[in-house]
Amino acid sequence: MRDGTKIRADIFRPASRENEPLPTLVAWSPYGKTGTGFLQIQDYSYIGLRASQISGLEKFEAPDPAEWCPRGYALVQPEARGIHHSEGDFHQFGTQEAQDGYDLVEWAGTQPWSNGNVALVGNSWLGIMQWFIAAEKPPHLKAIAPWEGAADFYRETLFRGGIPNTAFWPTLSTTMQGNGNYEDISAMMTKYPHMNAYWEDKNAKIANIEIPMYVVMSYSTNLHTEGSYRGWNTLLETSANFISGFRIHATQEWHDIYQPESNDELQRFLDRYLLGKDNGWENTPRVRVSLLRYNRPAIVHRPEDNYPPSRTQYHTLYLDSGNGSLSYECPKTPATASYTADSWDDEGSHFTYTFSKYTEILGPSKVKLFMSTKDKDDMDVYVIIHKLDVDGKDLLCLNVPLDQQPPGTVFENIDDMALYKYHGPTGRLRASKRALGQDPSLSEEQRNSQAPTELWRPYDQEEKVAAGTVVELDIPIWPAGMVFEAGESMRLEVKGHDHRLHEYENLHLMLKNLNVGTHTVHTGGEYPSQILLPLVF
């Protein structure tokens, strides 16, 4: 590295092309080199991968060298600074890790076995760091393929809605192994609960990226959906001349990245920009979306002009606490609904709408709630959209269908984890962090062109809520792709806790918030609580 620190990496090259310079793929993360990390794909039972689909040479969440060397690529699998026997102290995201990635790309691109054209590849952490490294503009980096990854560590992951994630990241940090010190993100969350320069350094400067990108997103993750959408959308708003593609798939990220058709498509993208092959990649539909039908097979990779599509219609449905409904007319009679905010046994207040014709929710949504509590000067509020069948049954979507699971698998045997099951898109907000602002990275023209569901918060201060005061809360809901047939329903749930499906089983029981006592949802009259939905008919 530029400061003299040495990091270690495994390098894979096809033996049959030993003397030939090849396009080079870099999979950057702290998950070790070849099979050395604490986490391994093989440890997860229900992601629909047969043992024969991966060789064991791959690092966690990275392309498999046994797949990509025969395709004519060299692969570099590093251990990040401070991980295992790489020197130095471990840093999570931000400038230090981005500069290290830059230095590795430049080193790899100048080796005799490289043709000088490098791409970044991989999923999750590997996808996140692609945004950060590409924003540093290493000259030998010619393309990136972020396979689902956040970009703003504070807003999209650690403090989504201003509520600290006290479970996943502290747990993940315990899996990092090395000989030096490590950046204690949990301690920093306590030290810096508000957005500041420290957290801003962990917000990738996506608008700086000027190379082709192939961006992948799914709905099934609690960690990456918003970041994948935000990365794509930021480039649409800030870069006029970029070339890329955006694909939303209907399964789970580890399942998708190792599918033969996914490898074939990724190769077409990489061949185009690392080898200069005229293979028609530019004719690939720029945006392809998938939609979940829950009780039927998904709609997969439908071409659209954008996400949400330009034909999207934004409809407002109003909440009625009196009868638990959603309707196009704002109730004239005020009503309230309350729930116990500090109990996992209370599933909150529910509001239901039944569709009279085929309808898709396709894109991010937004809820406006008028709420109060007499028991504290703050509230952590969680919302989620569920799908109900024609009989009113609450539906779960399997991220990988049963016919792609191990023989004999039945739904009831599959663990209750976000890796395997999906309820619906979610949102959350801490009332004291409700202040809205304007994204300083966007021009006035760009802001005016945003979808009406877009919100941006500075998160740099807090404004407590006097007990008993009704406060207006605007809560964004993550991107969705849901199909409703005539007679099926959506149910908006407002509650005092997160949903139960997370990255590890029972992880939700480790989540902490500040809720005490009762929350009340006010609707009708002077309190027009509502949800704004991106609908396609």
Protein backbone atom coordinates (compact mmCIF):
# COMPACT_ATOMS: atom_id res chain seq x y z
CA MET A 1 0.00 0.00 0.00
CA ARG A 2 1.08 3.64 -0.41
CA ASP A 3 2.13 3.80 3.25
CA GLY A 4 4.30 0.67 3.00
CA THR A 5 1.77 -1.68 4.61
CA LYS A 6 1.79 -5.14 3.02
CA ILE A 7 -1.46 -7.01 2.40
CA ARG A 8 -1.73 -10.61 1.28
CA ALA A 9 -3.72 -12.05 -1.59
CA ASP A 10 -4.31 -15.25 -3.50
CA ILE A 11 -3.95 -14.90 -7.26
CA PHE A 12 -5.57 -17.35 -9.65
CA ARG A 13 -4.64 -17.62 -13.33
CA PRO A 14 -5.54 -20.23 -15.96
CA ALA A 15 -2.62 -22.64 -16.31
CA SER A 16 -3.23 -22.99 -20.04
CA ARG A 17 -2.61 -19.25 -20.56
CA GLU A 18 0.30 -18.75 -18.18
CA ASN A 19 2.29 -16.45 -20.47
CA GLU A 20 -0.66 -14.42 -21.67
CA PRO A 21 -1.71 -11.10 -20.05
CA LEU A 22 -5.33 -11.40 -19.01
CA PRO A 23 -8.16 -9.16 -17.83
CA THR A 24 -8.10 -9.08 -14.05
CA LEU A 25 -10.85 -9.29 -11.44
CA VAL A 26 -10.39 -8.02 -7.88
CA ALA A 27 -12.69 -9.18 -5.06
CA TRP A 28 -11.98 -6.83 -2.15
CA SER A 29 -13.26 -7.58 1.37
CA PRO A 30 -12.20 -8.51 4.92
CA TYR A 31 -13.49 -12.07 4.49
CA GLY A 32 -10.13 -13.68 3.94
CA LYS A 33 -8.60 -15.20 0.83
CA THR A 34 -9.43 -18.71 -0.33
CA GLY A 35 -11.68 -20.42 2.17
CA THR A 36 -9.91 -18.75 5.12
CA GLY A 37 -12.69 -16.48 6.35
CA PHE A 38 -15.02 -17.16 9.25
CA LEU A 39 -18.01 -17.11 6.88
CA GLN A 40 -18.44 -19.58 4.01
CA ILE A 41 -21.29 -19.98 1.54
CA GLN A 42 -21.35 -23.73 2.16
CA ASP A 43 -22.55 -23.09 5.73
CA TYR A 44 -26.02 -22.00 4.55
CA SER A 45 -28.50 -24.75 3.76
CA TYR A 46 -31.38 -23.13 1.88
CA ILE A 47 -29.88 -20.79 -0.70
CA GLY A 48 -30.39 -23.33 -3.47
CA LEU A 49 -26.77 -24.06 -4.37
CA ARG A 50 -25.57 -27.58 -5.03
CA ALA A 51 -22.11 -28.51 -3.80
CA SER A 52 -21.01 -28.93 -7.41
CA GLN A 53 -21.81 -25.28 -8.25
CA ILE A 54 -18.87 -23.89 -6.27
CA SER A 55 -15.33 -25.25 -5.94
CA GLY A 56 -14.29 -24.00 -2.51
CA LEU A 57 -11.63 -21.80 -4.09
CA GLU A 58 -13.90 -18.77 -3.91
CA LYS A 59 -13.68 -16.29 -1.06
CA PHE A 60 -16.95 -15.52 0.71
CA GLU A 61 -19.42 -13.73 -1.63
CA ALA A 62 -16.92 -13.61 -4.52
CA PRO A 63 -16.86 -15.19 -7.98
CA ASP A 64 -15.37 -18.67 -8.10
CA PRO A 65 -11.85 -18.91 -9.62
CA ALA A 66 -12.70 -22.39 -10.90
CA GLU A 67 -15.46 -20.73 -12.94
CA TRP A 68 -13.62 -17.63 -14.07
CA CYS A 69 -10.12 -18.83 -14.90
CA PRO A 70 -11.52 -21.08 -17.66
CA ARG A 71 -13.38 -18.01 -18.91
CA GLY A 72 -10.01 -16.31 -19.46
CA TYR A 73 -9.69 -14.10 -16.37
CA ALA A 74 -7.13 -13.70 -13.60
CA LEU A 75 -8.59 -13.29 -10.09
CA VAL A 76 -7.06 -11.47 -7.14
CA GLN A 77 -8.53 -12.36 -3.72
CA PRO A 78 -6.97 -10.11 -1.06
CA GLU A 79 -7.18 -9.99 2.69
CA ALA A 80 -7.92 -6.37 3.58
CA ARG A 81 -5.56 -4.36 5.74
CA GLY A 82 -5.45 -5.85 9.24
CA ILE A 83 -7.22 -9.10 8.30
CA HIS A 84 -5.46 -12.40 9.06
CA HIS A 85 -1.80 -11.88 8.07
CA SER A 86 -2.22 -8.63 6.15
CA GLU A 87 -0.37 -5.92 8.01
CA GLY A 88 -1.87 -2.88 9.69
CA ASP A 89 -5.14 -2.18 11.44
CA PHE A 90 -8.55 -3.08 10.05
CA HIS A 91 -10.70 -0.16 8.85
CA GLN A 92 -14.35 -0.54 7.84
CA PHE A 93 -15.22 1.33 4.64
CA GLY A 94 -14.25 4.97 4.22
CA THR A 95 -11.13 6.59 2.79
CA GLN A 96 -8.53 4.18 4.17
CA GLU A 97 -10.15 1.06 2.75
CA ALA A 98 -10.95 2.84 -0.52
CA GLN A 99 -7.33 3.95 -0.97
CA ASP A 100 -6.11 0.44 -0.21
CA GLY A 101 -8.45 -0.86 -2.88
CA TYR A 102 -7.12 1.77 -5.31
CA ASP A 103 -3.53 0.68 -4.59
CA LEU A 104 -4.34 -2.99 -5.12
CA VAL A 105 -6.12 -2.28 -8.42
CA GLU A 106 -3.13 -0.29 -9.65
CA TRP A 107 -0.70 -3.00 -8.53
CA ALA A 108 -2.73 -5.73 -10.22
CA GLY A 109 -3.16 -3.73 -13.41
CA THR A 110 0.60 -3.35 -13.83
CA GLN A 111 1.58 -7.00 -13.33
CA PRO A 112 2.93 -8.90 -16.36
CA TRP A 113 0.04 -11.39 -16.13
CA SER A 114 -2.57 -8.60 -16.42
CA ASN A 115 -3.60 -6.89 -19.63
CA GLY A 116 -3.94 -3.65 -17.67
CA ASN A 117 -7.74 -3.78 -17.48
CA VAL A 118 -9.18 -4.45 -14.04
CA ALA A 119 -12.74 -4.84 -12.78
CA LEU A 120 -14.11 -5.08 -9.25
CA VAL A 121 -16.55 -7.91 -8.58
CA GLY A 122 -18.51 -9.53 -5.78
CA ASN A 123 -21.48 -9.24 -3.47
CA SER A 124 -22.32 -7.44 -0.20
CA TRP A 125 -19.12 -6.03 1.37
CA LEU A 126 -17.43 -6.70 -1.96
CA GLY A 127 -20.20 -4.74 -3.70
CA ILE A 128 -20.12 -1.90 -1.17
CA MET A 129 -16.40 -1.37 -1.59
CA GLN A 130 -16.77 -1.18 -5.35
CA TRP A 131 -18.59 2.15 -4.92
CA PHE A 132 -15.85 3.46 -2.63
CA ILE A 133 -12.86 2.27 -4.68
CA ALA A 134 -14.32 3.34 -8.04
CA ALA A 135 -14.96 6.83 -6.64
CA GLU A 136 -11.18 7.12 -6.10
CA LYS A 137 -10.75 6.66 -9.89
CA PRO A 138 -7.82 4.21 -10.16
CA PRO A 139 -6.65 4.45 -13.81
CA HIS A 140 -6.54 0.71 -14.43
CA LEU A 141 -10.10 0.18 -13.19
CA LYS A 142 -12.27 -0.15 -16.28
CA ALA A 143 -15.58 -1.48 -14.90
CA ILE A 144 -17.38 -2.51 -11.72
CA ALA A 145 -20.17 -4.99 -11.03
CA PRO A 146 -21.59 -4.29 -7.55
CA TRP A 147 -23.77 -7.32 -6.84
CA GLU A 148 -25.93 -5.72 -4.15
CA GLY A 149 -24.22 -3.35 -1.75
CA ALA A 150 -24.97 -0.28 0.33
CA ALA A 151 -23.16 3.00 -0.26
CA ASP A 152 -24.05 5.28 2.68
CA PHE A 153 -23.04 3.33 5.79
CA TYR A 154 -24.89 5.61 8.22
CA ARG A 155 -28.19 6.22 6.41
CA GLU A 156 -28.68 2.86 4.71
CA THR A 157 -27.24 0.43 7.21
CA LEU A 158 -26.04 1.42 10.68
CA PHE A 159 -28.61 4.11 11.49
CA ARG A 160 -31.39 3.52 9.03
CA GLY A 161 -34.13 6.02 9.92
CA GLY A 162 -31.87 7.32 12.67
CA ILE A 163 -32.30 4.09 14.67
CA PRO A 164 -29.00 2.33 15.49
CA ASN A 165 -28.68 -1.28 14.34
CA THR A 166 -27.52 -2.84 17.58
CA ALA A 167 -27.54 -6.43 16.37
CA PHE A 168 -26.14 -7.25 12.93
CA TRP A 169 -23.03 -5.10 12.72
CA PRO A 170 -21.76 -5.82 16.23
CA THR A 171 -22.30 -9.52 15.51
CA LEU A 172 -20.56 -9.35 12.12
CA SER A 173 -17.59 -7.52 13.63
CA THR A 174 -16.86 -10.51 15.86
CA THR A 175 -16.13 -12.61 12.77
CA MET A 176 -13.21 -10.41 11.64
CA GLN A 177 -9.85 -11.96 12.46
CA GLY A 178 -6.40 -10.38 12.35
CA ASN A 179 -3.21 -9.53 14.20
CA GLY A 180 -3.69 -5.79 14.54
CA ASN A 181 -6.32 -3.46 15.92
CA TYR A 182 -9.74 -3.05 14.34
CA GLU A 183 -12.14 -0.15 13.97
CA ASP A 184 -14.85 -0.73 16.56
CA ILE A 185 -17.99 0.33 14.75
CA SER A 186 -20.21 -0.46 17.74
CA ALA A 187 -18.21 1.90 19.92
CA MET A 188 -18.30 4.58 17.24
CA MET A 189 -22.09 4.25 16.98
CA THR A 190 -22.28 5.10 20.67
CA LYS A 191 -19.71 7.90 20.41
CA TYR A 192 -21.24 9.51 17.30
CA PRO A 193 -25.02 8.89 17.19
CA HIS A 194 -25.51 11.79 14.75
CA MET A 195 -24.22 12.22 11.22
CA ASN A 196 -20.82 13.93 11.25
CA ALA A 197 -17.53 13.99 9.35
CA TYR A 198 -16.61 10.52 10.64
CA TRP A 199 -19.75 8.95 9.16
CA GLU A 200 -19.64 11.14 6.05
CA ASP A 201 -16.31 9.53 5.23
CA LYS A 202 -18.24 6.25 5.02
CA ASN A 203 -20.62 7.62 2.39
CA ALA A 204 -19.29 6.63 -1.05
CA LYS A 205 -18.98 9.50 -3.52
CA ILE A 206 -20.86 7.63 -6.21
CA ALA A 207 -21.25 10.73 -8.39
CA ASN A 208 -17.47 10.61 -8.98
CA ILE A 209 -17.67 7.26 -10.78
CA GLU A 210 -17.10 7.50 -14.54
CA ILE A 211 -16.74 3.91 -15.69
CA PRO A 212 -19.28 1.31 -16.85
CA MET A 213 -21.26 -0.44 -14.12
CA TYR A 214 -23.46 -3.49 -13.97
CA VAL A 215 -25.60 -3.06 -10.84
CA VAL A 216 -27.63 -5.90 -9.33
CA MET A 217 -30.40 -5.62 -6.70
CA SER A 218 -32.91 -7.85 -4.96
CA TYR A 219 -35.68 -7.27 -2.44
CA SER A 220 -34.74 -10.05 -0.02
CA THR A 221 -31.92 -8.39 1.93
CA ASN A 222 -32.19 -6.11 4.97
CA LEU A 223 -28.79 -4.67 4.10
CA HIS A 224 -28.37 -3.87 0.41
CA THR A 225 -31.63 -3.10 -1.38
CA GLU A 226 -31.65 0.63 -0.72
CA GLY A 227 -27.93 1.02 -1.45
CA SER A 228 -28.17 -0.78 -4.79
CA TYR A 229 -31.14 1.34 -5.83
CA ARG A 230 -29.53 4.52 -4.50
CA GLY A 231 -26.27 3.84 -6.32
CA TRP A 232 -28.05 3.35 -9.62
CA ASN A 233 -30.34 6.31 -9.07
CA THR A 234 -27.52 8.63 -8.04
CA LEU A 235 -25.71 7.96 -11.27
CA LEU A 236 -28.86 8.59 -13.28
CA GLU A 237 -29.16 11.97 -11.57
CA THR A 238 -25.51 13.04 -11.67
CA SER A 239 -23.77 11.38 -14.63
CA ALA A 240 -24.84 12.05 -18.18
CA ASN A 241 -22.42 9.79 -20.02
CA PHE A 242 -22.11 6.60 -18.01
CA ILE A 243 -22.85 3.22 -19.55
CA SER A 244 -24.31 0.57 -17.31
CA GLY A 245 -27.11 -1.85 -16.61
CA PHE A 246 -29.45 -2.39 -13.67
CA ARG A 247 -30.91 -5.84 -13.01
CA ILE A 248 -33.32 -6.69 -10.20
CA HIS A 249 -33.62 -10.41 -9.59
CA ALA A 250 -36.24 -12.32 -7.63
CA THR A 251 -34.11 -14.59 -5.44
CA GLN A 252 -31.33 -14.36 -2.83
CA GLU A 253 -28.01 -12.69 -3.61
CA TRP A 254 -25.74 -15.70 -3.05
CA HIS A 255 -28.08 -17.89 -5.06
CA ASP A 256 -28.08 -15.43 -7.94
CA ILE A 257 -24.35 -14.72 -8.16
CA TYR A 258 -23.42 -18.37 -8.78
CA GLN A 259 -26.11 -19.20 -11.35
CA PRO A 260 -24.74 -20.14 -14.81
CA GLU A 261 -26.83 -17.49 -16.53
CA SER A 262 -25.56 -14.85 -14.09
CA ASN A 263 -21.96 -15.81 -14.83
CA ASP A 264 -22.62 -15.75 -18.55
CA GLU A 265 -24.16 -12.30 -18.41
CA LEU A 266 -21.42 -10.93 -16.18
CA GLN A 267 -18.86 -12.25 -18.64
CA ARG A 268 -20.56 -10.44 -21.51
CA PHE A 269 -20.30 -7.20 -19.54
CA LEU A 270 -16.67 -7.79 -18.57
CA ASP A 271 -15.65 -8.99 -22.04
CA ARG A 272 -17.05 -5.78 -23.46
CA TYR A 273 -15.12 -3.39 -21.20
CA LEU A 274 -11.99 -5.34 -20.24
CA LEU A 275 -11.37 -7.03 -23.61
CA GLY A 276 -13.13 -4.60 -25.94
CA LYS A 277 -15.26 -7.31 -27.52
CA ASP A 278 -18.06 -6.07 -29.73
CA ASN A 279 -20.57 -8.50 -28.25
CA GLY A 280 -23.70 -6.38 -28.26
CA TRP A 281 -23.71 -5.68 -24.52
CA GLU A 282 -25.06 -2.18 -25.21
CA ASN A 283 -28.21 -3.82 -26.61
CA THR A 284 -28.97 -5.43 -23.25
CA PRO A 285 -32.03 -3.69 -21.76
CA ARG A 286 -30.68 -1.02 -19.45
CA VAL A 287 -33.18 -1.87 -16.72
CA ARG A 288 -34.76 -5.24 -15.98
CA VAL A 289 -37.07 -5.70 -13.02
CA SER A 290 -38.44 -8.73 -11.21
CA LEU A 291 -41.64 -8.82 -9.19
CA LEU A 292 -42.63 -11.16 -6.38
CA ARG A 293 -46.03 -12.83 -6.48
CA TYR A 294 -45.52 -14.82 -3.24
CA ASN A 295 -48.12 -17.50 -3.94
CA ARG A 296 -47.14 -17.83 -7.62
CA PRO A 297 -43.83 -17.89 -9.54
CA ALA A 298 -42.12 -14.51 -9.78
CA ILE A 299 -42.06 -12.27 -12.83
CA VAL A 300 -38.39 -12.29 -13.79
CA HIS A 301 -36.22 -9.73 -15.60
CA ARG A 302 -38.92 -7.74 -17.37
CA PRO A 303 -37.37 -4.92 -19.40
CA GLU A 304 -38.38 -1.39 -18.34
CA ASP A 305 -37.16 2.09 -19.19
CA ASN A 306 -36.29 2.76 -15.54
CA TYR A 307 -36.98 1.73 -11.98
CA PRO A 308 -39.57 2.84 -11.09
CA PRO A 309 -40.76 2.84 -14.72
CA SER A 310 -41.80 6.15 -16.29
CA ARG A 311 -45.35 4.75 -16.60
CA THR A 312 -45.62 4.46 -12.80
CA GLN A 313 -48.64 6.19 -11.26
CA TYR A 314 -48.32 7.49 -7.72
CA HIS A 315 -51.45 6.86 -5.67
CA THR A 316 -52.19 8.07 -2.14
CA LEU A 317 -54.15 5.85 0.24
CA TYR A 318 -55.31 7.25 3.59
CA LEU A 319 -55.20 5.36 6.87
CA ASP A 320 -58.33 5.03 8.97
CA SER A 321 -57.67 3.99 12.56
CA GLY A 322 -61.40 3.60 13.10
CA ASN A 323 -61.75 0.50 10.92
CA GLY A 324 -58.14 -0.42 10.03
CA SER A 325 -58.57 0.38 6.35
CA LEU A 326 -56.72 2.19 3.57
CA SER A 327 -58.80 4.18 1.09
CA TYR A 328 -58.58 6.87 -1.55
CA GLU A 329 -60.69 9.25 0.55
CA CYS A 330 -59.27 10.87 3.66
CA PRO A 331 -61.58 10.00 6.59
CA LYS A 332 -63.53 13.01 7.79
CA THR A 333 -63.85 11.59 11.29
CA PRO A 334 -60.68 11.61 13.39
CA ALA A 335 -59.72 8.29 14.94
CA THR A 336 -56.79 6.73 16.80
CA ALA A 337 -55.21 3.31 17.05
CA SER A 338 -52.63 2.40 19.67
CA TYR A 339 -50.11 -0.37 20.25
CA THR A 340 -47.68 -1.35 22.99
CA ALA A 341 -44.40 -0.06 21.60
CA ASP A 342 -42.02 -1.93 23.89
CA SER A 343 -43.42 -5.42 23.39
CA TRP A 344 -42.36 -7.96 20.75
CA ASP A 345 -45.74 -9.59 21.21
CA ASP A 346 -47.65 -6.56 19.93
CA GLU A 347 -47.65 -6.51 16.12
CA GLY A 348 -48.90 -2.93 15.99
CA SER A 349 -51.72 -1.20 14.15
CA HIS A 350 -52.81 -2.63 10.78
CA PHE A 351 -54.35 -0.91 7.75
CA THR A 352 -55.59 -2.96 4.80
CA TYR A 353 -56.51 -2.26 1.18
CA THR A 354 -57.99 -4.85 -1.22
CA PHE A 355 -57.17 -4.44 -4.90
CA SER A 356 -60.02 -4.63 -7.39
CA LYS A 357 -57.73 -5.32 -10.36
CA TYR A 358 -54.23 -6.51 -11.18
CA THR A 359 -51.77 -4.06 -9.56
CA GLU A 360 -48.01 -3.86 -9.05
CA ILE A 361 -46.15 -1.92 -6.37
CA LEU A 362 -42.93 -1.19 -8.23
CA GLY A 363 -40.45 1.15 -6.56
CA PRO A 364 -39.96 2.88 -3.20
CA SER A 365 -43.03 4.01 -1.22
CA LYS A 366 -43.49 6.66 1.46
CA VAL A 367 -45.68 6.86 4.58
CA LYS A 368 -46.81 10.02 6.36
CA LEU A 369 -47.94 9.29 9.91
CA PHE A 370 -49.30 11.52 12.64
CA MET A 371 -48.26 9.92 15.92
CA SER A 372 -47.95 10.58 19.62
CA THR A 373 -46.89 8.98 22.88
CA LYS A 374 -47.58 10.02 26.47
CA ASP A 375 -44.83 7.83 27.86
CA LYS A 376 -41.60 9.26 26.43
CA ASP A 377 -40.14 12.19 24.51
CA ASP A 378 -39.25 10.05 21.47
CA MET A 379 -40.51 7.15 19.35
CA ASP A 380 -38.92 4.51 17.15
CA VAL A 381 -41.55 3.71 14.53
CA TYR A 382 -41.38 0.74 12.13
CA VAL A 383 -43.57 0.10 9.09
CA ILE A 384 -43.86 -2.85 6.71
CA ILE A 385 -46.08 -3.80 3.77
CA HIS A 386 -47.43 -7.36 3.82
CA LYS A 387 -49.30 -9.20 1.08
CA LEU A 388 -52.53 -11.08 1.91
CA ASP A 389 -54.20 -13.63 -0.34
CA VAL A 390 -57.89 -13.53 -1.27
CA ASP A 391 -58.74 -15.27 2.00
CA GLY A 392 -56.81 -12.75 4.06
CA LYS A 393 -53.88 -15.08 4.78
CA ASP A 394 -50.56 -13.32 5.43
CA LEU A 395 -48.06 -14.53 2.82
CA LEU A 396 -44.32 -15.12 3.00
CA CYS A 397 -42.13 -15.30 -0.09
CA LEU A 398 -39.37 -17.92 -0.30
CA ASN A 399 -36.25 -16.28 -1.66
CA VAL A 400 -35.28 -19.53 -3.35
CA PRO A 401 -38.22 -21.69 -4.54
CA LEU A 402 -38.70 -25.17 -3.10
CA ASP A 403 -37.93 -26.83 -6.43
CA GLN A 404 -34.37 -25.44 -6.18
CA GLN A 405 -33.89 -26.57 -2.56
CA PRO A 406 -32.38 -29.85 -1.33
CA PRO A 407 -34.64 -32.84 -2.06
CA GLY A 408 -37.35 -33.31 0.53
CA THR A 409 -37.26 -29.72 1.77
CA VAL A 410 -40.61 -28.38 2.97
CA PHE A 411 -41.49 -24.78 3.77
CA GLU A 412 -41.80 -25.39 7.51
CA ASN A 413 -38.23 -26.73 7.73
CA ILE A 414 -36.65 -23.59 6.31
CA ASP A 415 -35.18 -21.32 8.96
CA ASP A 416 -36.86 -18.00 9.69
CA MET A 417 -34.10 -15.80 8.31
CA ALA A 418 -34.00 -12.96 5.78
CA LEU A 419 -31.63 -15.08 3.71
CA TYR A 420 -34.44 -17.51 3.04
CA LYS A 421 -37.77 -15.70 3.50
CA TYR A 422 -39.21 -12.27 2.73
CA HIS A 423 -42.27 -10.55 4.15
CA GLY A 424 -42.27 -7.21 2.34
CA PRO A 425 -40.62 -3.78 2.10
CA THR A 426 -39.94 -1.92 5.32
CA GLY A 427 -39.30 1.55 6.68
CA ARG A 428 -38.39 3.05 10.04
CA LEU A 429 -37.79 6.37 11.73
CA ARG A 430 -36.78 7.76 15.10
CA ALA A 431 -39.09 10.69 15.71
CA SER A 432 -36.33 12.95 17.05
CA LYS A 433 -34.43 12.46 13.74
CA ARG A 434 -37.42 13.44 11.59
CA ALA A 435 -35.96 16.70 10.20
CA LEU A 436 -35.87 16.70 6.40
CA GLY A 437 -33.30 18.37 4.18
CA GLN A 438 -31.95 18.55 0.64
CA ASP A 439 -29.22 16.22 -0.57
CA PRO A 440 -26.29 18.62 -1.10
CA SER A 441 -24.84 16.41 -3.85
CA LEU A 442 -27.81 17.18 -6.15
CA SER A 443 -28.57 20.31 -8.14
CA GLU A 444 -31.96 21.99 -7.97
CA GLU A 445 -32.85 20.54 -11.36
CA GLN A 446 -31.92 17.05 -10.19
CA ARG A 447 -33.99 17.42 -7.04
CA ASN A 448 -37.00 18.52 -9.05
CA SER A 449 -36.75 15.42 -11.22
CA GLN A 450 -36.81 13.00 -8.29
CA ALA A 451 -39.70 10.65 -7.66
CA PRO A 452 -42.27 11.95 -5.15
CA THR A 453 -41.34 9.17 -2.73
CA GLU A 454 -37.75 10.43 -2.36
CA LEU A 455 -36.67 11.78 1.03
CA TRP A 456 -33.31 12.93 2.37
CA ARG A 457 -32.37 13.55 5.99
CA PRO A 458 -29.25 15.19 7.43
CA TYR A 459 -29.43 13.18 10.71
CA ASP A 460 -27.11 15.74 12.30
CA GLN A 461 -29.36 16.79 15.17
CA GLU A 462 -32.31 15.61 17.20
CA GLU A 463 -35.58 17.25 18.15
CA LYS A 464 -37.40 15.51 20.95
CA VAL A 465 -41.20 15.24 21.02
CA ALA A 466 -43.07 16.59 24.03
CA ALA A 467 -45.14 13.86 25.68
CA GLY A 468 -48.63 13.74 24.22
CA THR A 469 -47.77 15.96 21.25
CA VAL A 470 -48.88 14.75 17.82
CA VAL A 471 -45.93 14.83 15.45
CA GLU A 472 -45.79 14.34 11.67
CA LEU A 473 -43.41 11.58 10.54
CA ASP A 474 -42.42 10.99 6.91
CA ILE A 475 -41.02 7.48 6.57
CA PRO A 476 -39.53 6.12 3.33
CA ILE A 477 -40.18 2.45 2.54
CA TRP A 478 -37.49 0.52 0.72
CA PRO A 479 -37.87 -0.39 -2.97
CA ALA A 480 -40.38 -3.12 -3.77
CA GLY A 481 -41.68 -5.30 -6.55
CA MET A 482 -44.98 -6.86 -5.46
CA VAL A 483 -47.84 -8.22 -7.55
CA PHE A 484 -51.47 -8.21 -6.41
CA GLU A 485 -54.24 -9.95 -8.28
CA ALA A 486 -57.86 -8.80 -7.98
CA GLY A 487 -59.11 -9.72 -4.52
CA GLU A 488 -55.67 -9.81 -2.92
CA SER A 489 -54.71 -7.20 -0.33
CA MET A 490 -51.84 -5.18 1.03
CA ARG A 491 -51.55 -4.56 4.75
CA LEU A 492 -49.56 -1.67 6.15
CA GLU A 493 -48.36 -2.41 9.67
CA VAL A 494 -47.17 0.31 12.06
CA LYS A 495 -45.41 -1.02 15.14
CA GLY A 496 -42.81 -0.45 17.83
CA HIS A 497 -40.29 -3.07 16.72
CA ASP A 498 -38.56 -4.36 13.62
CA HIS A 499 -39.84 -7.39 11.73
CA ARG A 500 -38.64 -10.85 12.70
CA LEU A 501 -36.69 -11.95 9.63
CA HIS A 502 -33.00 -11.03 9.84
CA GLU A 503 -29.59 -12.27 8.72
CA TYR A 504 -29.29 -14.74 11.58
CA GLU A 505 -32.10 -16.67 13.22
CA ASN A 506 -33.44 -14.86 16.30
CA LEU A 507 -31.23 -11.84 15.60
CA HIS A 508 -34.32 -9.66 16.04
CA LEU A 509 -34.28 -10.49 19.75
CA MET A 510 -30.94 -8.67 20.03
CA LEU A 511 -32.32 -5.44 18.57
CA LYS A 512 -32.68 -2.52 20.98
CA ASN A 513 -34.66 0.69 20.68
CA LEU A 514 -35.83 3.47 22.98
CA ASN A 515 -39.55 2.70 22.97
CA VAL A 516 -41.52 2.81 26.19
CA GLY A 517 -45.26 2.42 26.73
CA THR A 518 -47.83 3.12 24.05
CA HIS A 519 -47.71 4.72 20.60
CA THR A 520 -50.85 6.18 19.01
CA VAL A 521 -51.55 6.57 15.27
CA HIS A 522 -53.84 9.52 14.50
CA THR A 523 -55.88 9.49 11.30
CA GLY A 524 -58.62 11.51 9.61
CA GLY A 525 -59.59 15.17 9.91
CA GLU A 526 -56.55 17.30 10.64
CA TYR A 527 -54.32 14.19 10.72
CA PRO A 528 -54.28 12.81 7.14
CA SER A 529 -51.99 9.83 7.74
CA GLN A 530 -51.30 8.27 4.34
CA ILE A 531 -49.13 6.06 2.18
CA LEU A 532 -47.86 7.06 -1.27
CA LEU A 533 -47.47 4.03 -3.55
CA PRO A 534 -45.73 3.60 -6.95
CA LEU A 535 -48.34 1.60 -8.86
CA VAL A 536 -48.28 -0.06 -12.27
CA PHE A 537 -51.48 -1.53 -13.71
